[in-house]
Amino acid sequence: MTSRDLTFVLGGARSGKSMHAEQLANDSALAVTYVATARVADDAEFSARIAHHRERRPAHWQLLEAPVDLAGAVTQTDAPGHCILIDCLTLWLANLLCPPDCDGMPIDRYQAYLTAFEAALLDAKGKIIVVSNEIGLGVVPLGAATRLYVDELGRLNQRIAASSTQVTMMLAGLPLALKTAGRA
């Protein structure tokens, strides 16, 4: 799978990945749709995080909330000369694997959402910027559910990075180019 213009920005918590992705979208000079994957916050701290992201975004950007159907969000908003910024795959995966009021989604159903998302990226005609956390740099987590999440996010990140034309890793607010257009 290759996208004409797919940029993948990843990094750890507070690495500057969202700000960098927002700057890339802004610098594109295209109309931007910001696709937020977070569910409605159920605590004050997470509400403050969401508010911080909202305050940083230009008011003229469109917003689409897509906590589960990311493929549908891409298909709905994609167009030539348009930029879609998806922030972030980390929360999207958590939504899929740990839906509210449920013990979790069967992994085969998660795979169907991932396959649909990848197909939407393949068919995209506009610029797409995808943000995700890199969480596999630490120790092996305790607990089967946490290990499953870390493993699945690692696999998801690898798949999106492989199909991206550009991949940037953010460390301490500094962008490190891992893959540039025309060069793997």
C-alpha atoms as a PDB file:
ATOM      1  CA  MET A   1       0.000   0.000   0.000  1.00  0.00           C
ATOM      2  CA  THR A   2       1.301   3.434  -0.871  1.00  0.00           C
ATOM      3  CA  SER A   3      -0.334   6.783  -0.514  1.00  0.00           C
ATOM      4  CA  ARG A   4       0.452   9.698  -2.750  1.00  0.00           C
ATOM      5  CA  ASP A   5       1.124  11.938   0.240  1.00  0.00           C
ATOM      6  CA  LEU A   6       1.036  10.142   3.584  1.00  0.00           C
ATOM      7  CA  THR A   7       3.119  11.526   6.432  1.00  0.00           C
ATOM      8  CA  PHE A   8       3.447   9.561   9.677  1.00  0.00           C
ATOM      9  CA  VAL A   9       4.561  11.420  12.816  1.00  0.00           C
ATOM     10  CA  LEU A  10       5.281   9.412  15.935  1.00  0.00           C
ATOM     11  CA  GLY A  11       6.973   9.871  19.263  1.00  0.00           C
ATOM     12  CA  GLY A  12       6.517   9.479  22.982  1.00  0.00           C
ATOM     13  CA  ALA A  13       4.190  11.391  25.276  1.00  0.00           C
ATOM     14  CA  ARG A  14       4.904  15.140  25.186  1.00  0.00           C
ATOM     15  CA  SER A  15       7.490  14.684  22.421  1.00  0.00           C
ATOM     16  CA  GLY A  16       5.940  17.434  20.283  1.00  0.00           C
ATOM     17  CA  LYS A  17       4.394  15.083  17.713  1.00  0.00           C
ATOM     18  CA  SER A  18       0.949  16.739  17.608  1.00  0.00           C
ATOM     19  CA  MET A  19       2.401  20.247  17.362  1.00  0.00           C
ATOM     20  CA  HIS A  20       4.740  19.116  14.584  1.00  0.00           C
ATOM     21  CA  ALA A  21       1.878  17.477  12.672  1.00  0.00           C
ATOM     22  CA  GLU A  22      -0.246  20.612  13.102  1.00  0.00           C
ATOM     23  CA  GLN A  23       2.606  22.726  11.738  1.00  0.00           C
ATOM     24  CA  LEU A  24       2.945  20.408   8.716  1.00  0.00           C
ATOM     25  CA  ALA A  25      -0.792  20.708   8.058  1.00  0.00           C
ATOM     26  CA  ASN A  26      -0.671  24.480   8.426  1.00  0.00           C
ATOM     27  CA  ASP A  27       2.400  24.741   6.176  1.00  0.00           C
ATOM     28  CA  SER A  28       0.626  22.750   3.453  1.00  0.00           C
ATOM     29  CA  ALA A  29      -1.570  25.830   2.759  1.00  0.00           C
ATOM     30  CA  LEU A  30      -4.427  23.394   2.053  1.00  0.00           C
ATOM     31  CA  ALA A  31      -7.856  23.271   3.630  1.00  0.00           C
ATOM     32  CA  VAL A  32      -7.463  21.052   6.710  1.00  0.00           C
ATOM     33  CA  THR A  33      -9.782  18.599   8.413  1.00  0.00           C
ATOM     34  CA  TYR A  34      -8.583  17.590  11.865  1.00  0.00           C
ATOM     35  CA  VAL A  35      -9.786  14.073  12.694  1.00  0.00           C
ATOM     36  CA  ALA A  36      -9.830  13.581  16.466  1.00  0.00           C
ATOM     37  CA  THR A  37      -9.907   9.991  17.698  1.00  0.00           C
ATOM     38  CA  ALA A  38     -10.387  10.708  21.409  1.00  0.00           C
ATOM     39  CA  ARG A  39     -13.649   9.758  23.041  1.00  0.00           C
ATOM     40  CA  VAL A  40     -15.443  12.324  25.183  1.00  0.00           C
ATOM     41  CA  ALA A  41     -13.317  12.849  28.254  1.00  0.00           C
ATOM     42  CA  ASP A  42     -14.632  11.427  31.489  1.00  0.00           C
ATOM     43  CA  ASP A  43     -12.116  13.114  33.780  1.00  0.00           C
ATOM     44  CA  ALA A  44     -10.833  16.656  34.294  1.00  0.00           C
ATOM     45  CA  GLU A  45      -7.232  15.932  33.311  1.00  0.00           C
ATOM     46  CA  PHE A  46      -8.144  14.388  29.946  1.00  0.00           C
ATOM     47  CA  SER A  47     -10.679  17.171  29.327  1.00  0.00           C
ATOM     48  CA  ALA A  48      -7.851  19.671  29.824  1.00  0.00           C
ATOM     49  CA  ARG A  49      -5.688  17.793  27.299  1.00  0.00           C
ATOM     50  CA  ILE A  50      -8.460  17.920  24.714  1.00  0.00           C
ATOM     51  CA  ALA A  51      -9.044  21.626  25.408  1.00  0.00           C
ATOM     52  CA  HIS A  52      -5.314  22.313  24.942  1.00  0.00           C
ATOM     53  CA  HIS A  53      -5.391  20.647  21.507  1.00  0.00           C
ATOM     54  CA  ARG A  54      -8.515  22.589  20.528  1.00  0.00           C
ATOM     55  CA  GLU A  55      -6.998  25.921  21.542  1.00  0.00           C
ATOM     56  CA  ARG A  56      -3.904  25.308  19.403  1.00  0.00           C
ATOM     57  CA  ARG A  57      -5.803  24.537  16.216  1.00  0.00           C
ATOM     58  CA  PRO A  58      -6.687  27.318  13.777  1.00  0.00           C
ATOM     59  CA  ALA A  59     -10.382  28.180  13.949  1.00  0.00           C
ATOM     60  CA  HIS A  60     -10.856  27.704  10.196  1.00  0.00           C
ATOM     61  CA  TRP A  61      -9.881  24.024  10.299  1.00  0.00           C
ATOM     62  CA  GLN A  62     -12.748  21.573  10.068  1.00  0.00           C
ATOM     63  CA  LEU A  63     -13.114  19.084  12.936  1.00  0.00           C
ATOM     64  CA  LEU A  64     -14.382  15.539  12.635  1.00  0.00           C
ATOM     65  CA  GLU A  65     -14.519  13.252  15.650  1.00  0.00           C
ATOM     66  CA  ALA A  66     -13.931   9.622  14.718  1.00  0.00           C
ATOM     67  CA  PRO A  67     -13.224   7.452  17.756  1.00  0.00           C
ATOM     68  CA  VAL A  68     -13.913   4.189  15.862  1.00  0.00           C
ATOM     69  CA  ASP A  69     -14.649   4.592  12.133  1.00  0.00           C
ATOM     70  CA  LEU A  70     -11.389   6.120  10.972  1.00  0.00           C
ATOM     71  CA  ALA A  71     -11.760   4.667   7.463  1.00  0.00           C
ATOM     72  CA  GLY A  72     -15.131   6.381   7.143  1.00  0.00           C
ATOM     73  CA  ALA A  73     -13.645   9.669   8.321  1.00  0.00           C
ATOM     74  CA  VAL A  74     -10.894   9.513   5.702  1.00  0.00           C
ATOM     75  CA  THR A  75     -13.308   8.554   2.932  1.00  0.00           C
ATOM     76  CA  GLN A  76     -15.759  11.284   3.954  1.00  0.00           C
ATOM     77  CA  THR A  77     -13.211  14.107   4.028  1.00  0.00           C
ATOM     78  CA  ASP A  78     -10.577  13.123   1.452  1.00  0.00           C
ATOM     79  CA  ALA A  79     -10.265  15.252  -1.679  1.00  0.00           C
ATOM     80  CA  PRO A  80      -7.486  16.475  -3.955  1.00  0.00           C
ATOM     81  CA  GLY A  81      -5.994  19.672  -2.574  1.00  0.00           C
ATOM     82  CA  HIS A  82      -7.176  18.867   0.951  1.00  0.00           C
ATOM     83  CA  CYS A  83      -5.219  17.873   4.065  1.00  0.00           C
ATOM     84  CA  ILE A  84      -6.460  15.425   6.699  1.00  0.00           C
ATOM     85  CA  LEU A  85      -4.676  15.392  10.052  1.00  0.00           C
ATOM     86  CA  ILE A  86      -5.462  12.312  12.170  1.00  0.00           C
ATOM     87  CA  ASP A  87      -4.553  12.623  15.851  1.00  0.00           C
ATOM     88  CA  CYS A  88      -4.021   9.920  16.972  1.00  0.00           C
ATOM     89  CA  LEU A  89      -3.772   6.193  16.277  1.00  0.00           C
ATOM     90  CA  THR A  90      -2.889   5.547  19.918  1.00  0.00           C
ATOM     91  CA  LEU A  91      -6.308   6.617  21.166  1.00  0.00           C
ATOM     92  CA  TRP A  92      -8.048   5.006  18.192  1.00  0.00           C
ATOM     93  CA  LEU A  93      -6.531   1.629  19.016  1.00  0.00           C
ATOM     94  CA  ALA A  94      -7.479   2.017  22.688  1.00  0.00           C
ATOM     95  CA  ASN A  95     -11.058   2.755  21.577  1.00  0.00           C
ATOM     96  CA  LEU A  96     -11.095  -0.416  19.489  1.00  0.00           C
ATOM     97  CA  LEU A  97      -9.490  -2.742  22.013  1.00  0.00           C
ATOM     98  CA  CYS A  98     -11.153  -1.262  25.108  1.00  0.00           C
ATOM     99  CA  PRO A  99     -14.579   0.075  24.152  1.00  0.00           C
ATOM    100  CA  PRO A 100     -16.587   1.683  26.952  1.00  0.00           C
ATOM    101  CA  ASP A 101     -18.745  -0.682  28.998  1.00  0.00           C
ATOM    102  CA  CYS A 102     -17.184  -3.759  27.425  1.00  0.00           C
ATOM    103  CA  ASP A 103     -14.443  -6.266  28.132  1.00  0.00           C
ATOM    104  CA  GLY A 104     -12.807  -5.527  24.801  1.00  0.00           C
ATOM    105  CA  MET A 105     -13.319  -6.048  21.102  1.00  0.00           C
ATOM    106  CA  PRO A 106     -12.370  -9.370  19.566  1.00  0.00           C
ATOM    107  CA  ILE A 107      -9.053  -8.971  17.753  1.00  0.00           C
ATOM    108  CA  ASP A 108     -10.541 -10.076  14.427  1.00  0.00           C
ATOM    109  CA  ARG A 109     -12.961  -7.148  14.546  1.00  0.00           C
ATOM    110  CA  TYR A 110     -10.095  -4.761  15.245  1.00  0.00           C
ATOM    111  CA  GLN A 111      -8.317  -6.160  12.191  1.00  0.00           C
ATOM    112  CA  ALA A 112     -11.350  -5.359  10.036  1.00  0.00           C
ATOM    113  CA  TYR A 113     -11.197  -1.704  11.141  1.00  0.00           C
ATOM    114  CA  LEU A 114      -7.453  -1.596  10.451  1.00  0.00           C
ATOM    115  CA  THR A 115      -7.883  -3.147   7.011  1.00  0.00           C
ATOM    116  CA  ALA A 116     -10.605  -0.636   6.147  1.00  0.00           C
ATOM    117  CA  PHE A 117      -8.410   2.237   7.375  1.00  0.00           C
ATOM    118  CA  GLU A 118      -5.461   1.058   5.281  1.00  0.00           C
ATOM    119  CA  ALA A 119      -7.718   0.774   2.217  1.00  0.00           C
ATOM    120  CA  ALA A 120      -8.961   4.330   2.783  1.00  0.00           C
ATOM    121  CA  LEU A 121      -5.362   5.562   2.972  1.00  0.00           C
ATOM    122  CA  LEU A 122      -4.548   3.700  -0.250  1.00  0.00           C
ATOM    123  CA  ASP A 123      -7.422   5.377  -2.075  1.00  0.00           C
ATOM    124  CA  ALA A 124      -6.705   8.843  -0.664  1.00  0.00           C
ATOM    125  CA  LYS A 125      -6.252  11.652  -3.153  1.00  0.00           C
ATOM    126  CA  GLY A 126      -5.281  14.415  -0.724  1.00  0.00           C
ATOM    127  CA  LYS A 127      -2.531  14.938   1.818  1.00  0.00           C
ATOM    128  CA  ILE A 128      -2.816  12.853   4.987  1.00  0.00           C
ATOM    129  CA  ILE A 129      -0.848  13.298   8.207  1.00  0.00           C
ATOM    130  CA  VAL A 130      -1.183  10.576  10.846  1.00  0.00           C
ATOM    131  CA  VAL A 131       0.017  10.896  14.460  1.00  0.00           C
ATOM    132  CA  SER A 132       0.785   8.007  16.820  1.00  0.00           C
ATOM    133  CA  ASN A 133       2.707   7.265  19.979  1.00  0.00           C
ATOM    134  CA  GLU A 134       5.784   5.083  20.012  1.00  0.00           C
ATOM    135  CA  ILE A 135       5.316   3.183  23.249  1.00  0.00           C
ATOM    136  CA  GLY A 136       7.428   0.081  22.639  1.00  0.00           C
ATOM    137  CA  LEU A 137      10.722   1.532  23.829  1.00  0.00           C
ATOM    138  CA  GLY A 138      10.337   0.557  27.489  1.00  0.00           C
ATOM    139  CA  VAL A 139      10.066  -2.592  29.492  1.00  0.00           C
ATOM    140  CA  VAL A 140       7.637  -5.386  28.669  1.00  0.00           C
ATOM    141  CA  PRO A 141       4.458  -4.352  30.511  1.00  0.00           C
ATOM    142  CA  LEU A 142       2.785  -6.427  33.174  1.00  0.00           C
ATOM    143  CA  GLY A 143      -0.622  -7.821  32.337  1.00  0.00           C
ATOM    144  CA  ALA A 144      -1.885  -9.525  29.207  1.00  0.00           C
ATOM    145  CA  ALA A 145      -4.196  -6.672  28.158  1.00  0.00           C
ATOM    146  CA  THR A 146      -1.404  -4.098  28.329  1.00  0.00           C
ATOM    147  CA  ARG A 147       0.992  -6.357  26.421  1.00  0.00           C
ATOM    148  CA  LEU A 148      -1.673  -6.905  23.753  1.00  0.00           C
ATOM    149  CA  TYR A 149      -2.124  -3.142  23.410  1.00  0.00           C
ATOM    150  CA  VAL A 150       1.627  -2.459  23.134  1.00  0.00           C
ATOM    151  CA  ASP A 151       2.049  -5.283  20.612  1.00  0.00           C
ATOM    152  CA  GLU A 152      -0.913  -4.208  18.481  1.00  0.00           C
ATOM    153  CA  LEU A 153       0.142  -0.545  18.484  1.00  0.00           C
ATOM    154  CA  GLY A 154       3.648  -1.585  17.435  1.00  0.00           C
ATOM    155  CA  ARG A 155       2.230  -3.643  14.576  1.00  0.00           C
ATOM    156  CA  LEU A 156      -0.123  -0.815  13.562  1.00  0.00           C
ATOM    157  CA  ASN A 157       2.716   1.731  13.603  1.00  0.00           C
ATOM    158  CA  GLN A 158       4.864  -0.567  11.449  1.00  0.00           C
ATOM    159  CA  ARG A 159       2.094  -0.979   8.875  1.00  0.00           C
ATOM    160  CA  ILE A 160       1.406   2.742   8.632  1.00  0.00           C
ATOM    161  CA  ALA A 161       5.137   3.586   8.496  1.00  0.00           C
ATOM    162  CA  ALA A 162       5.672   1.066   5.679  1.00  0.00           C
ATOM    163  CA  SER A 163       2.948   2.670   3.587  1.00  0.00           C
ATOM    164  CA  SER A 164       3.945   6.267   4.341  1.00  0.00           C
ATOM    165  CA  THR A 165       5.916   8.463   2.008  1.00  0.00           C
ATOM    166  CA  GLN A 166       7.413  10.299   4.986  1.00  0.00           C
ATOM    167  CA  VAL A 167       7.979   9.200   8.593  1.00  0.00           C
ATOM    168  CA  THR A 168       9.166  11.526  11.353  1.00  0.00           C
ATOM    169  CA  MET A 169      10.081  10.528  14.904  1.00  0.00           C
ATOM    170  CA  MET A 170       9.765  13.292  17.474  1.00  0.00           C
ATOM    171  CA  LEU A 171      12.192  13.335  20.400  1.00  0.00           C
ATOM    172  CA  ALA A 172      12.249  16.212  22.893  1.00  0.00           C
ATOM    173  CA  GLY A 173      10.481  18.452  20.389  1.00  0.00           C
ATOM    174  CA  LEU A 174      12.975  17.701  17.626  1.00  0.00           C
ATOM    175  CA  PRO A 175      11.877  16.027  14.374  1.00  0.00           C
ATOM    176  CA  LEU A 176      14.049  13.162  13.161  1.00  0.00           C
ATOM    177  CA  ALA A 177      13.372  12.112   9.573  1.00  0.00           C
ATOM    178  CA  LEU A 178      13.189   8.311   9.423  1.00  0.00           C
ATOM    179  CA  LYS A 179      11.809   8.122   5.882  1.00  0.00           C
ATOM    180  CA  THR A 180      11.548  10.838   3.274  1.00  0.00           C
ATOM    181  CA  ALA A 181       9.583  10.931   0.015  1.00  0.00           C
ATOM    182  CA  GLY A 182      11.342   8.821  -2.576  1.00  0.00           C
ATOM    183  CA  ARG A 183      13.655   7.195  -0.043  1.00  0.00           C
ATOM    184  CA  ALA A 184      12.948   4.320   2.376  1.00  0.00           C
END
